[in-house]
Amino acid sequence: MAGMDDLIRALEQDALREVPEFETGDIVRVFERVSEGARDRLQPFEGVVLKRAGSGTGATLTIRKIAAGVGVERTFPIHHKLERIEVVRSNKIRQARPYWLRRITRLHKIG
């Protein structure tokens, strides 16, 4: 079965994309491809990175933003649905998973 494992690894390597360097606490803008009928468009989602999970093609990214006074969190598969990722601003934080962002919103302020 070693041959099958090598084949799966090779296919995963082809599916991986170039992703910019970012960490938890950074503010990023991701562009997701959305299909509306016969048309495709890119929909941006900008917010603070709460966590990165997984590895390889199964890696995910959780982003939180404040929309109309309500906190919105979305989890994206990094290598599948996202067209591109832009780092807007880097922040230095002391925790790996800043769940305290749900209470403290100073990192959400862009500027």
PDB file of N, CA and C in Angstrom:
ATOM      1  N   MET A   1       0.803  -1.203   0.000  1.00  0.00           N
ATOM      2  CA  MET A   1       0.000   0.000   0.000  1.00  0.00           C
ATOM      3  C   MET A   1       0.848   1.270   0.000  1.00  0.00           C
ATOM      4  N   ALA A   2       2.146   1.133   0.050  1.00  0.00           N
ATOM      5  CA  ALA A   2       3.003   2.317   0.060  1.00  0.00           C
ATOM      6  C   ALA A   2       2.868   3.101  -1.241  1.00  0.00           C
ATOM      7  N   GLY A   3       2.617   2.414  -2.353  1.00  0.00           N
ATOM      8  CA  GLY A   3       2.449   3.085  -3.629  1.00  0.00           C
ATOM      9  C   GLY A   3       1.221   3.978  -3.645  1.00  0.00           C
ATOM     10  N   MET A   4       0.147   3.517  -2.988  1.00  0.00           N
ATOM     11  CA  MET A   4      -1.088   4.310  -2.935  1.00  0.00           C
ATOM     12  C   MET A   4      -0.887   5.568  -2.089  1.00  0.00           C
ATOM     13  N   ASP A   5      -0.152   5.445  -0.981  1.00  0.00           N
ATOM     14  CA  ASP A   5       0.130   6.609  -0.145  1.00  0.00           C
ATOM     15  C   ASP A   5       0.929   7.660  -0.910  1.00  0.00           C
ATOM     16  N   ASP A   6       1.896   7.202  -1.692  1.00  0.00           N
ATOM     17  CA  ASP A   6       2.681   8.134  -2.489  1.00  0.00           C
ATOM     18  C   ASP A   6       1.819   8.836  -3.525  1.00  0.00           C
ATOM     19  N   LEU A   7       0.883   8.108  -4.118  1.00  0.00           N
ATOM     20  CA  LEU A   7      -0.010   8.695  -5.106  1.00  0.00           C
ATOM     21  C   LEU A   7      -0.900   9.762  -4.468  1.00  0.00           C
ATOM     22  N   ILE A   8      -1.438   9.476  -3.290  1.00  0.00           N
ATOM     23  CA  ILE A   8      -2.294  10.443  -2.591  1.00  0.00           C
ATOM     24  C   ILE A   8      -1.503  11.684  -2.219  1.00  0.00           C
ATOM     25  N   ARG A   9      -0.279  11.518  -1.717  1.00  0.00           N
ATOM     26  CA  ARG A   9       0.569  12.667  -1.375  1.00  0.00           C
ATOM     27  C   ARG A   9       0.873  13.514  -2.601  1.00  0.00           C
ATOM     28  N   ALA A  10       1.127  12.867  -3.737  1.00  0.00           N
ATOM     29  CA  ALA A  10       1.433  13.605  -4.963  1.00  0.00           C
ATOM     30  C   ALA A  10       0.215  14.416  -5.414  1.00  0.00           C
ATOM     31  N   LEU A  11      -0.972  13.830  -5.330  1.00  0.00           N
ATOM     32  CA  LEU A  11      -2.181  14.558  -5.707  1.00  0.00           C
ATOM     33  C   LEU A  11      -2.444  15.727  -4.773  1.00  0.00           C
ATOM     34  N   GLU A  12      -2.187  15.533  -3.474  1.00  0.00           N
ATOM     35  CA  GLU A  12      -2.366  16.633  -2.526  1.00  0.00           C
ATOM     36  C   GLU A  12      -1.386  17.762  -2.793  1.00  0.00           C
ATOM     37  N   GLN A  13      -0.159  17.447  -3.135  1.00  0.00           N
ATOM     38  CA  GLN A  13       0.840  18.478  -3.419  1.00  0.00           C
ATOM     39  C   GLN A  13       0.425  19.322  -4.620  1.00  0.00           C
ATOM     40  N   ASP A  14      -0.222  18.700  -5.613  1.00  0.00           N
ATOM     41  CA  ASP A  14      -0.684  19.453  -6.779  1.00  0.00           C
ATOM     42  C   ASP A  14      -1.826  20.395  -6.420  1.00  0.00           C
ATOM     43  N   ALA A  15      -2.644  20.016  -5.420  1.00  0.00           N
ATOM     44  CA  ALA A  15      -3.805  20.826  -5.050  1.00  0.00           C
ATOM     45  C   ALA A  15      -3.449  21.987  -4.127  1.00  0.00           C
ATOM     46  N   LEU A  16      -2.278  21.969  -3.512  1.00  0.00           N
ATOM     47  CA  LEU A  16      -1.894  23.034  -2.589  1.00  0.00           C
ATOM     48  C   LEU A  16      -1.612  24.328  -3.348  1.00  0.00           C
ATOM     49  N   ARG A  17      -2.001  25.456  -2.741  1.00  0.00           N
ATOM     50  CA  ARG A  17      -1.777  26.779  -3.326  1.00  0.00           C
ATOM     51  C   ARG A  17      -0.736  27.536  -2.534  1.00  0.00           C
ATOM     52  N   GLU A  18      -0.258  28.612  -3.128  1.00  0.00           N
ATOM     53  CA  GLU A  18       0.624  29.527  -2.418  1.00  0.00           C
ATOM     54  C   GLU A  18      -0.229  30.380  -1.484  1.00  0.00           C
ATOM     55  N   VAL A  19       0.109  30.373  -0.206  1.00  0.00           N
ATOM     56  CA  VAL A  19      -0.640  31.128   0.795  1.00  0.00           C
ATOM     57  C   VAL A  19       0.336  32.086   1.473  1.00  0.00           C
ATOM     58  N   PRO A  20      -0.030  33.369   1.606  1.00  0.00           N
ATOM     59  CA  PRO A  20       0.877  34.305   2.275  1.00  0.00           C
ATOM     60  C   PRO A  20       1.040  33.953   3.750  1.00  0.00           C
ATOM     61  N   GLU A  21       2.116  34.428   4.335  1.00  0.00           N
ATOM     62  CA  GLU A  21       2.377  34.181   5.751  1.00  0.00           C
ATOM     63  C   GLU A  21       1.466  35.060   6.597  1.00  0.00           C
ATOM     64  N   PHE A  22       0.698  34.447   7.474  1.00  0.00           N
ATOM     65  CA  PHE A  22      -0.113  35.176   8.433  1.00  0.00           C
ATOM     66  C   PHE A  22      -0.286  34.303   9.660  1.00  0.00           C
ATOM     67  N   GLU A  23      -0.583  34.957  10.775  1.00  0.00           N
ATOM     68  CA  GLU A  23      -0.714  34.262  12.049  1.00  0.00           C
ATOM     69  C   GLU A  23      -2.038  34.630  12.695  1.00  0.00           C
ATOM     70  N   THR A  24      -2.304  33.995  13.799  1.00  0.00           N
ATOM     71  CA  THR A  24      -3.485  34.308  14.583  1.00  0.00           C
ATOM     72  C   THR A  24      -3.405  35.750  15.055  1.00  0.00           C
ATOM     73  N   GLY A  25      -4.500  36.475  14.939  1.00  0.00           N
ATOM     74  CA  GLY A  25      -4.541  37.879  15.346  1.00  0.00           C
ATOM     75  C   GLY A  25      -4.346  38.848  14.203  1.00  0.00           C
ATOM     76  N   ASP A  26      -3.836  38.390  13.064  1.00  0.00           N
ATOM     77  CA  ASP A  26      -3.661  39.265  11.905  1.00  0.00           C
ATOM     78  C   ASP A  26      -5.015  39.569  11.271  1.00  0.00           C
ATOM     79  N   ILE A  27      -5.103  40.711  10.632  1.00  0.00           N
ATOM     80  CA  ILE A  27      -6.304  41.061   9.894  1.00  0.00           C
ATOM     81  C   ILE A  27      -6.068  40.704   8.433  1.00  0.00           C
ATOM     82  N   VAL A  28      -6.931  39.843   7.890  1.00  0.00           N
ATOM     83  CA  VAL A  28      -6.774  39.382   6.517  1.00  0.00           C
ATOM     84  C   VAL A  28      -8.061  39.642   5.747  1.00  0.00           C
ATOM     85  N   ARG A  29      -7.918  39.693   4.422  1.00  0.00           N
ATOM     86  CA  ARG A  29      -9.062  39.809   3.520  1.00  0.00           C
ATOM     87  C   ARG A  29      -8.990  38.597   2.600  1.00  0.00           C
ATOM     88  N   VAL A  30     -10.043  37.782   2.619  1.00  0.00           N
ATOM     89  CA  VAL A  30     -10.096  36.605   1.757  1.00  0.00           C
ATOM     90  C   VAL A  30     -11.153  36.849   0.684  1.00  0.00           C
ATOM     91  N   PHE A  31     -10.897  36.333  -0.501  1.00  0.00           N
ATOM     92  CA  PHE A  31     -11.817  36.466  -1.615  1.00  0.00           C
ATOM     93  C   PHE A  31     -12.327  35.085  -1.983  1.00  0.00           C
ATOM     94  N   GLU A  32     -13.635  34.896  -1.801  1.00  0.00           N
ATOM     95  CA  GLU A  32     -14.274  33.610  -2.063  1.00  0.00           C
ATOM     96  C   GLU A  32     -15.040  33.702  -3.378  1.00  0.00           C
ATOM     97  N   ARG A  33     -14.894  32.662  -4.210  1.00  0.00           N
ATOM     98  CA  ARG A  33     -15.617  32.641  -5.470  1.00  0.00           C
ATOM     99  C   ARG A  33     -17.047  32.184  -5.212  1.00  0.00           C
ATOM    100  N   VAL A  34     -18.025  33.033  -5.629  1.00  0.00           N
ATOM    101  CA  VAL A  34     -19.447  32.762  -5.422  1.00  0.00           C
ATOM    102  C   VAL A  34     -20.113  32.640  -6.781  1.00  0.00           C
ATOM    103  N   SER A  35     -20.883  31.570  -6.974  1.00  0.00           N
ATOM    104  CA  SER A  35     -21.617  31.373  -8.220  1.00  0.00           C
ATOM    105  C   SER A  35     -23.063  31.792  -8.019  1.00  0.00           C
ATOM    106  N   GLU A  36     -23.507  32.704  -8.869  1.00  0.00           N
ATOM    107  CA  GLU A  36     -24.895  33.162  -8.846  1.00  0.00           C
ATOM    108  C   GLU A  36     -25.484  32.905 -10.221  1.00  0.00           C
ATOM    109  N   GLY A  37     -26.163  31.790 -10.362  1.00  0.00           N
ATOM    110  CA  GLY A  37     -26.708  31.428 -11.666  1.00  0.00           C
ATOM    111  C   GLY A  37     -25.577  31.101 -12.619  1.00  0.00           C
ATOM    112  N   ALA A  38     -25.494  31.841 -13.713  1.00  0.00           N
ATOM    113  CA  ALA A  38     -24.453  31.607 -14.709  1.00  0.00           C
ATOM    114  C   ALA A  38     -23.232  32.489 -14.492  1.00  0.00           C
ATOM    115  N   ARG A  39     -23.287  33.364 -13.478  1.00  0.00           N
ATOM    116  CA  ARG A  39     -22.192  34.304 -13.254  1.00  0.00           C
ATOM    117  C   ARG A  39     -21.381  33.909 -12.033  1.00  0.00           C
ATOM    118  N   ASP A  40     -20.091  34.189 -12.072  1.00  0.00           N
ATOM    119  CA  ASP A  40     -19.196  34.015 -10.931  1.00  0.00           C
ATOM    120  C   ASP A  40     -18.692  35.379 -10.507  1.00  0.00           C
ATOM    121  N   ARG A  41     -18.522  35.554  -9.209  1.00  0.00           N
ATOM    122  CA  ARG A  41     -17.939  36.795  -8.715  1.00  0.00           C
ATOM    123  C   ARG A  41     -17.118  36.479  -7.480  1.00  0.00           C
ATOM    124  N   LEU A  42     -16.251  37.424  -7.103  1.00  0.00           N
ATOM    125  CA  LEU A  42     -15.434  37.280  -5.903  1.00  0.00           C
ATOM    126  C   LEU A  42     -16.060  38.093  -4.785  1.00  0.00           C
ATOM    127  N   GLN A  43     -16.290  37.448  -3.653  1.00  0.00           N
ATOM    128  CA  GLN A  43     -16.869  38.132  -2.504  1.00  0.00           C
ATOM    129  C   GLN A  43     -15.814  38.238  -1.409  1.00  0.00           C
ATOM    130  N   PRO A  44     -15.439  39.467  -1.020  1.00  0.00           N
ATOM    131  CA  PRO A  44     -14.425  39.621   0.029  1.00  0.00           C
ATOM    132  C   PRO A  44     -15.017  39.429   1.422  1.00  0.00           C
ATOM    133  N   PHE A  45     -14.187  38.950   2.325  1.00  0.00           N
ATOM    134  CA  PHE A  45     -14.543  38.820   3.736  1.00  0.00           C
ATOM    135  C   PHE A  45     -13.301  39.223   4.512  1.00  0.00           C
ATOM    136  N   GLU A  46     -13.386  40.297   5.285  1.00  0.00           N
ATOM    137  CA  GLU A  46     -12.226  40.830   5.993  1.00  0.00           C
ATOM    138  C   GLU A  46     -12.468  40.760   7.485  1.00  0.00           C
ATOM    139  N   GLY A  47     -11.466  40.257   8.215  1.00  0.00           N
ATOM    140  CA  GLY A  47     -11.591  40.167   9.656  1.00  0.00           C
ATOM    141  C   GLY A  47     -10.315  39.664  10.299  1.00  0.00           C
ATOM    142  N   VAL A  48     -10.419  39.353  11.574  1.00  0.00           N
ATOM    143  CA  VAL A  48      -9.280  38.910  12.371  1.00  0.00           C
ATOM    144  C   VAL A  48      -9.207  37.386  12.339  1.00  0.00           C
ATOM    145  N   VAL A  49      -8.002  36.867  12.161  1.00  0.00           N
ATOM    146  CA  VAL A  49      -7.804  35.418  12.148  1.00  0.00           C
ATOM    147  C   VAL A  49      -7.911  34.902  13.572  1.00  0.00           C
ATOM    148  N   LEU A  50      -8.885  34.022  13.821  1.00  0.00           N
ATOM    149  CA  LEU A  50      -9.016  33.394  15.132  1.00  0.00           C
ATOM    150  C   LEU A  50      -8.148  32.160  15.241  1.00  0.00           C
ATOM    151  N   LYS A  51      -8.156  31.322  14.190  1.00  0.00           N
ATOM    152  CA  LYS A  51      -7.332  30.122  14.246  1.00  0.00           C
ATOM    153  C   LYS A  51      -7.106  29.563  12.859  1.00  0.00           C
ATOM    154  N   ARG A  52      -6.020  28.802  12.752  1.00  0.00           N
ATOM    155  CA  ARG A  52      -5.729  27.975  11.591  1.00  0.00           C
ATOM    156  C   ARG A  52      -5.723  26.542  12.084  1.00  0.00           C
ATOM    157  N   ALA A  53      -6.346  25.670  11.363  1.00  0.00           N
ATOM    158  CA  ALA A  53      -6.427  24.278  11.790  1.00  0.00           C
ATOM    159  C   ALA A  53      -6.132  23.362  10.613  1.00  0.00           C
ATOM    160  N   GLY A  54      -5.639  22.184  10.916  1.00  0.00           N
ATOM    161  CA  GLY A  54      -5.395  21.179   9.890  1.00  0.00           C
ATOM    162  C   GLY A  54      -4.107  21.417   9.140  1.00  0.00           C
ATOM    163  N   SER A  55      -3.849  20.517   8.202  1.00  0.00           N
ATOM    164  CA  SER A  55      -2.657  20.629   7.371  1.00  0.00           C
ATOM    165  C   SER A  55      -2.975  20.055   5.999  1.00  0.00           C
ATOM    166  N   GLY A  56      -2.121  20.347   5.051  1.00  0.00           N
ATOM    167  CA  GLY A  56      -2.320  19.853   3.700  1.00  0.00           C
ATOM    168  C   GLY A  56      -3.550  20.473   3.061  1.00  0.00           C
ATOM    169  N   THR A  57      -4.269  19.663   2.291  1.00  0.00           N
ATOM    170  CA  THR A  57      -5.443  20.178   1.592  1.00  0.00           C
ATOM    171  C   THR A  57      -6.640  20.356   2.524  1.00  0.00           C
ATOM    172  N   GLY A  58      -6.575  19.810   3.721  1.00  0.00           N
ATOM    173  CA  GLY A  58      -7.668  19.949   4.677  1.00  0.00           C
ATOM    174  C   GLY A  58      -7.511  21.120   5.628  1.00  0.00           C
ATOM    175  N   ALA A  59      -6.563  22.004   5.374  1.00  0.00           N
ATOM    176  CA  ALA A  59      -6.322  23.144   6.261  1.00  0.00           C
ATOM    177  C   ALA A  59      -7.488  24.127   6.200  1.00  0.00           C
ATOM    178  N   THR A  60      -7.872  24.657   7.364  1.00  0.00           N
ATOM    179  CA  THR A  60      -8.962  25.623   7.431  1.00  0.00           C
ATOM    180  C   THR A  60      -8.508  26.886   8.145  1.00  0.00           C
ATOM    181  N   LEU A  61      -9.293  27.929   7.971  1.00  0.00           N
ATOM    182  CA  LEU A  61      -8.998  29.252   8.501  1.00  0.00           C
ATOM    183  C   LEU A  61     -10.299  29.820   9.059  1.00  0.00           C
ATOM    184  N   THR A  62     -10.290  30.249  10.333  1.00  0.00           N
ATOM    185  CA  THR A  62     -11.471  30.845  10.943  1.00  0.00           C
ATOM    186  C   THR A  62     -11.232  32.337  11.109  1.00  0.00           C
ATOM    187  N   ILE A  63     -12.149  33.138  10.566  1.00  0.00           N
ATOM    188  CA  ILE A  63     -12.037  34.594  10.578  1.00  0.00           C
ATOM    189  C   ILE A  63     -13.261  35.182  11.269  1.00  0.00           C
ATOM    190  N   ARG A  64     -13.047  36.228  12.069  1.00  0.00           N
ATOM    191  CA  ARG A  64     -14.133  36.905  12.771  1.00  0.00           C
ATOM    192  C   ARG A  64     -14.143  38.377  12.382  1.00  0.00           C
ATOM    193  N   LYS A  65     -15.344  38.899  12.124  1.00  0.00           N
ATOM    194  CA  LYS A  65     -15.495  40.328  11.855  1.00  0.00           C
ATOM    195  C   LYS A  65     -16.778  40.808  12.516  1.00  0.00           C
ATOM    196  N   ILE A  66     -16.885  42.116  12.654  1.00  0.00           N
ATOM    197  CA  ILE A  66     -18.089  42.734  13.195  1.00  0.00           C
ATOM    198  C   ILE A  66     -18.871  43.311  12.017  1.00  0.00           C
ATOM    199  N   ALA A  67     -20.102  42.843  11.815  1.00  0.00           N
ATOM    200  CA  ALA A  67     -20.954  43.327  10.732  1.00  0.00           C
ATOM    201  C   ALA A  67     -22.253  43.841  11.342  1.00  0.00           C
ATOM    202  N   ALA A  68     -22.509  45.115  11.199  1.00  0.00           N
ATOM    203  CA  ALA A  68     -23.719  45.762  11.725  1.00  0.00           C
ATOM    204  C   ALA A  68     -23.859  45.542  13.224  1.00  0.00           C
ATOM    205  N   GLY A  69     -22.733  45.591  13.937  1.00  0.00           N
ATOM    206  CA  GLY A  69     -22.747  45.453  15.386  1.00  0.00           C
ATOM    207  C   GLY A  69     -22.842  44.026  15.889  1.00  0.00           C
ATOM    208  N   VAL A  70     -22.831  43.060  14.992  1.00  0.00           N
ATOM    209  CA  VAL A  70     -22.939  41.647  15.368  1.00  0.00           C
ATOM    210  C   VAL A  70     -21.669  40.932  14.932  1.00  0.00           C
ATOM    211  N   GLY A  71     -21.103  40.104  15.792  1.00  0.00           N
ATOM    212  CA  GLY A  71     -19.916  39.340  15.450  1.00  0.00           C
ATOM    213  C   GLY A  71     -20.260  38.195  14.517  1.00  0.00           C
ATOM    214  N   VAL A  72     -19.480  38.064  13.435  1.00  0.00           N
ATOM    215  CA  VAL A  72     -19.687  37.007  12.451  1.00  0.00           C
ATOM    216  C   VAL A  72     -18.389  36.222  12.324  1.00  0.00           C
ATOM    217  N   GLU A  73     -18.464  34.907  12.464  1.00  0.00           N
ATOM    218  CA  GLU A  73     -17.297  34.048  12.294  1.00  0.00           C
ATOM    219  C   GLU A  73     -17.558  33.086  11.151  1.00  0.00           C
ATOM    220  N   ARG A  74     -16.554  32.932  10.295  1.00  0.00           N
ATOM    221  CA  ARG A  74     -16.660  31.987   9.182  1.00  0.00           C
ATOM    222  C   ARG A  74     -15.397  31.158   9.120  1.00  0.00           C
ATOM    223  N   THR A  75     -15.565  29.919   8.738  1.00  0.00           N
ATOM    224  CA  THR A  75     -14.441  29.004   8.563  1.00  0.00           C
ATOM    225  C   THR A  75     -14.335  28.682   7.078  1.00  0.00           C
ATOM    226  N   PHE A  76     -13.143  28.886   6.521  1.00  0.00           N
ATOM    227  CA  PHE A  76     -12.902  28.660   5.102  1.00  0.00           C
ATOM    228  C   PHE A  76     -11.882  27.541   4.920  1.00  0.00           C
ATOM    229  N   PRO A  77     -12.058  26.673   3.931  1.00  0.00           N
ATOM    230  CA  PRO A  77     -10.965  25.771   3.545  1.00  0.00           C
ATOM    231  C   PRO A  77      -9.938  26.579   2.748  1.00  0.00           C
ATOM    232  N   ILE A  78      -8.706  26.576   3.186  1.00  0.00           N
ATOM    233  CA  ILE A  78      -7.690  27.460   2.602  1.00  0.00           C
ATOM    234  C   ILE A  78      -7.404  27.128   1.138  1.00  0.00           C
ATOM    235  N   HIS A  79      -7.339  25.853   0.795  1.00  0.00           N
ATOM    236  CA  HIS A  79      -6.876  25.463  -0.537  1.00  0.00           C
ATOM    237  C   HIS A  79      -7.997  25.147  -1.516  1.00  0.00           C
ATOM    238  N   HIS A  80      -9.271  25.357  -1.147  1.00  0.00           N
ATOM    239  CA  HIS A  80     -10.345  24.960  -2.052  1.00  0.00           C
ATOM    240  C   HIS A  80     -11.169  26.133  -2.566  1.00  0.00           C
ATOM    241  N   LYS A  81     -11.920  26.798  -1.712  1.00  0.00           N
ATOM    242  CA  LYS A  81     -12.881  27.799  -2.171  1.00  0.00           C
ATOM    243  C   LYS A  81     -12.303  29.200  -2.300  1.00  0.00           C
ATOM    244  N   LEU A  82     -11.168  29.461  -1.689  1.00  0.00           N
ATOM    245  CA  LEU A  82     -10.632  30.823  -1.683  1.00  0.00           C
ATOM    246  C   LEU A  82      -9.834  31.099  -2.945  1.00  0.00           C
ATOM    247  N   GLU A  83     -10.101  32.258  -3.527  1.00  0.00           N
ATOM    248  CA  GLU A  83      -9.358  32.675  -4.714  1.00  0.00           C
ATOM    249  C   GLU A  83      -7.994  33.242  -4.302  1.00  0.00           C
ATOM    250  N   ARG A  84      -8.006  34.136  -3.304  1.00  0.00           N
ATOM    251  CA  ARG A  84      -6.740  34.682  -2.801  1.00  0.00           C
ATOM    252  C   ARG A  84      -6.925  35.187  -1.376  1.00  0.00           C
ATOM    253  N   ILE A  85      -5.799  35.351  -0.691  1.00  0.00           N
ATOM    254  CA  ILE A  85      -5.773  35.844   0.685  1.00  0.00           C
ATOM    255  C   ILE A  85      -4.814  37.020   0.727  1.00  0.00           C
ATOM    256  N   GLU A  86      -5.265  38.148   1.283  1.00  0.00           N
ATOM    257  CA  GLU A  86      -4.409  39.327   1.440  1.00  0.00           C
ATOM    258  C   GLU A  86      -4.277  39.636   2.927  1.00  0.00           C
ATOM    259  N   VAL A  87      -3.059  39.910   3.370  1.00  0.00           N
ATOM    260  CA  VAL A  87      -2.833  40.322   4.752  1.00  0.00           C
ATOM    261  C   VAL A  87      -2.953  41.837   4.800  1.00  0.00           C
ATOM    262  N   VAL A  88      -3.948  42.333   5.542  1.00  0.00           N
ATOM    263  CA  VAL A  88      -4.182  43.772   5.652  1.00  0.00           C
ATOM    264  C   VAL A  88      -3.255  44.362   6.701  1.00  0.00           C
ATOM    265  N   ARG A  89      -3.188  43.713   7.862  1.00  0.00           N
ATOM    266  CA  ARG A  89      -2.351  44.212   8.954  1.00  0.00           C
ATOM    267  C   ARG A  89      -1.941  43.058   9.854  1.00  0.00           C
ATOM    268  N   SER A  90      -0.720  43.111  10.343  1.00  0.00           N
ATOM    269  CA  SER A  90      -0.241  42.109  11.286  1.00  0.00           C
ATOM    270  C   SER A  90      -0.358  42.653  12.696  1.00  0.00           C
ATOM    271  N   ASN A  91      -0.804  41.815  13.610  1.00  0.00           N
ATOM    272  CA  ASN A  91      -0.919  42.179  15.012  1.00  0.00           C
ATOM    273  C   ASN A  91      -0.107  41.205  15.845  1.00  0.00           C
ATOM    274  N   LYS A  92       0.465  41.714  16.913  1.00  0.00           N
ATOM    275  CA  LYS A  92       1.206  40.845  17.830  1.00  0.00           C
ATOM    276  C   LYS A  92       0.275  40.510  18.992  1.00  0.00           C
ATOM    277  N   ILE A  93       0.003  39.234  19.157  1.00  0.00           N
ATOM    278  CA  ILE A  93      -0.850  38.792  20.255  1.00  0.00           C
ATOM    279  C   ILE A  93      -0.090  37.753  21.061  1.00  0.00           C
ATOM    280  N   ARG A  94      -0.584  37.458  22.251  1.00  0.00           N
ATOM    281  CA  ARG A  94       0.122  36.552  23.139  1.00  0.00           C
ATOM    282  C   ARG A  94      -0.518  35.179  23.257  1.00  0.00           C
ATOM    283  N   GLN A  95      -1.654  34.981  22.642  1.00  0.00           N
ATOM    284  CA  GLN A  95      -2.321  33.685  22.728  1.00  0.00           C
ATOM    285  C   GLN A  95      -2.457  33.078  21.343  1.00  0.00           C
ATOM    286  N   ALA A  96      -2.404  31.761  21.281  1.00  0.00           N
ATOM    287  CA  ALA A  96      -2.486  31.082  20.002  1.00  0.00           C
ATOM    288  C   ALA A  96      -3.890  31.177  19.415  1.00  0.00           C
ATOM    289  N   ARG A  97      -4.909  31.062  20.263  1.00  0.00           N
ATOM    290  CA  ARG A  97      -6.283  31.152  19.788  1.00  0.00           C
ATOM    291  C   ARG A  97      -7.005  32.218  20.593  1.00  0.00           C
ATOM    292  N   PRO A  98      -7.054  33.422  20.095  1.00  0.00           N
ATOM    293  CA  PRO A  98      -7.579  34.543  20.886  1.00  0.00           C
ATOM    294  C   PRO A  98      -9.102  34.565  20.950  1.00  0.00           C
ATOM    295  N   TYR A  99      -9.677  33.619  21.673  1.00  0.00           N
ATOM    296  CA  TYR A  99     -11.133  33.586  21.808  1.00  0.00           C
ATOM    297  C   TYR A  99     -11.635  34.778  22.603  1.00  0.00           C
ATOM    298  N   TRP A 100     -10.744  35.471  23.308  1.00  0.00           N
ATOM    299  CA  TRP A 100     -11.127  36.678  24.026  1.00  0.00           C
ATOM    300  C   TRP A 100     -11.541  37.775  23.069  1.00  0.00           C
ATOM    301  N   LEU A 101     -11.297  37.603  21.756  1.00  0.00           N
ATOM    302  CA  LEU A 101     -11.747  38.600  20.783  1.00  0.00           C
ATOM    303  C   LEU A 101     -13.259  38.715  20.769  1.00  0.00           C
ATOM    304  N   ARG A 102     -13.940  37.703  21.233  1.00  0.00           N
ATOM    305  CA  ARG A 102     -15.391  37.781  21.279  1.00  0.00           C
ATOM    306  C   ARG A 102     -15.844  38.833  22.270  1.00  0.00           C
ATOM    307  N   ARG A 103     -15.001  39.118  23.265  1.00  0.00           N
ATOM    308  CA  ARG A 103     -15.339  40.152  24.252  1.00  0.00           C
ATOM    309  C   ARG A 103     -14.641  41.469  23.946  1.00  0.00           C
ATOM    310  N   ILE A 104     -13.382  41.393  23.551  1.00  0.00           N
ATOM    311  CA  ILE A 104     -12.571  42.590  23.319  1.00  0.00           C
ATOM    312  C   ILE A 104     -12.447  42.783  21.821  1.00  0.00           C
ATOM    313  N   THR A 105     -12.864  43.915  21.306  1.00  0.00           N
ATOM    314  CA  THR A 105     -12.891  44.098  19.859  1.00  0.00           C
ATOM    315  C   THR A 105     -11.876  45.116  19.363  1.00  0.00           C
ATOM    316  N   ARG A 106     -10.837  45.397  20.122  1.00  0.00           N
ATOM    317  CA  ARG A 106      -9.904  46.427  19.673  1.00  0.00           C
ATOM    318  C   ARG A 106      -9.130  45.994  18.450  1.00  0.00           C
ATOM    319  N   LEU A 107      -8.910  44.697  18.237  1.00  0.00           N
ATOM    320  CA  LEU A 107      -8.207  44.248  17.042  1.00  0.00           C
ATOM    321  C   LEU A 107      -9.070  44.370  15.788  1.00  0.00           C
ATOM    322  N   HIS A 108     -10.383  44.452  15.962  1.00  0.00           N
ATOM    323  CA  HIS A 108     -11.274  44.549  14.808  1.00  0.00           C
ATOM    324  C   HIS A 108     -11.208  45.920  14.150  1.00  0.00           C
ATOM    325  N   LYS A 109     -10.762  46.912  14.873  1.00  0.00           N
ATOM    326  CA  LYS A 109     -10.738  48.251  14.321  1.00  0.00           C
ATOM    327  C   LYS A 109      -9.647  48.354  13.274  1.00  0.00           C
ATOM    328  N   ILE A 110     -10.023  48.672  12.068  1.00  0.00           N
ATOM    329  CA  ILE A 110      -9.085  48.815  10.959  1.00  0.00           C
ATOM    330  C   ILE A 110      -8.559  50.246  10.968  1.00  0.00           C
ATOM    331  N   GLY A 111      -7.249  50.373  10.861  1.00  0.00           N
ATOM    332  CA  GLY A 111      -6.743  51.738  10.781  1.00  0.00           C
ATOM    333  C   GLY A 111      -5.421  51.932  11.429  1.00  0.00           C
TER     334      GLY A 111
END
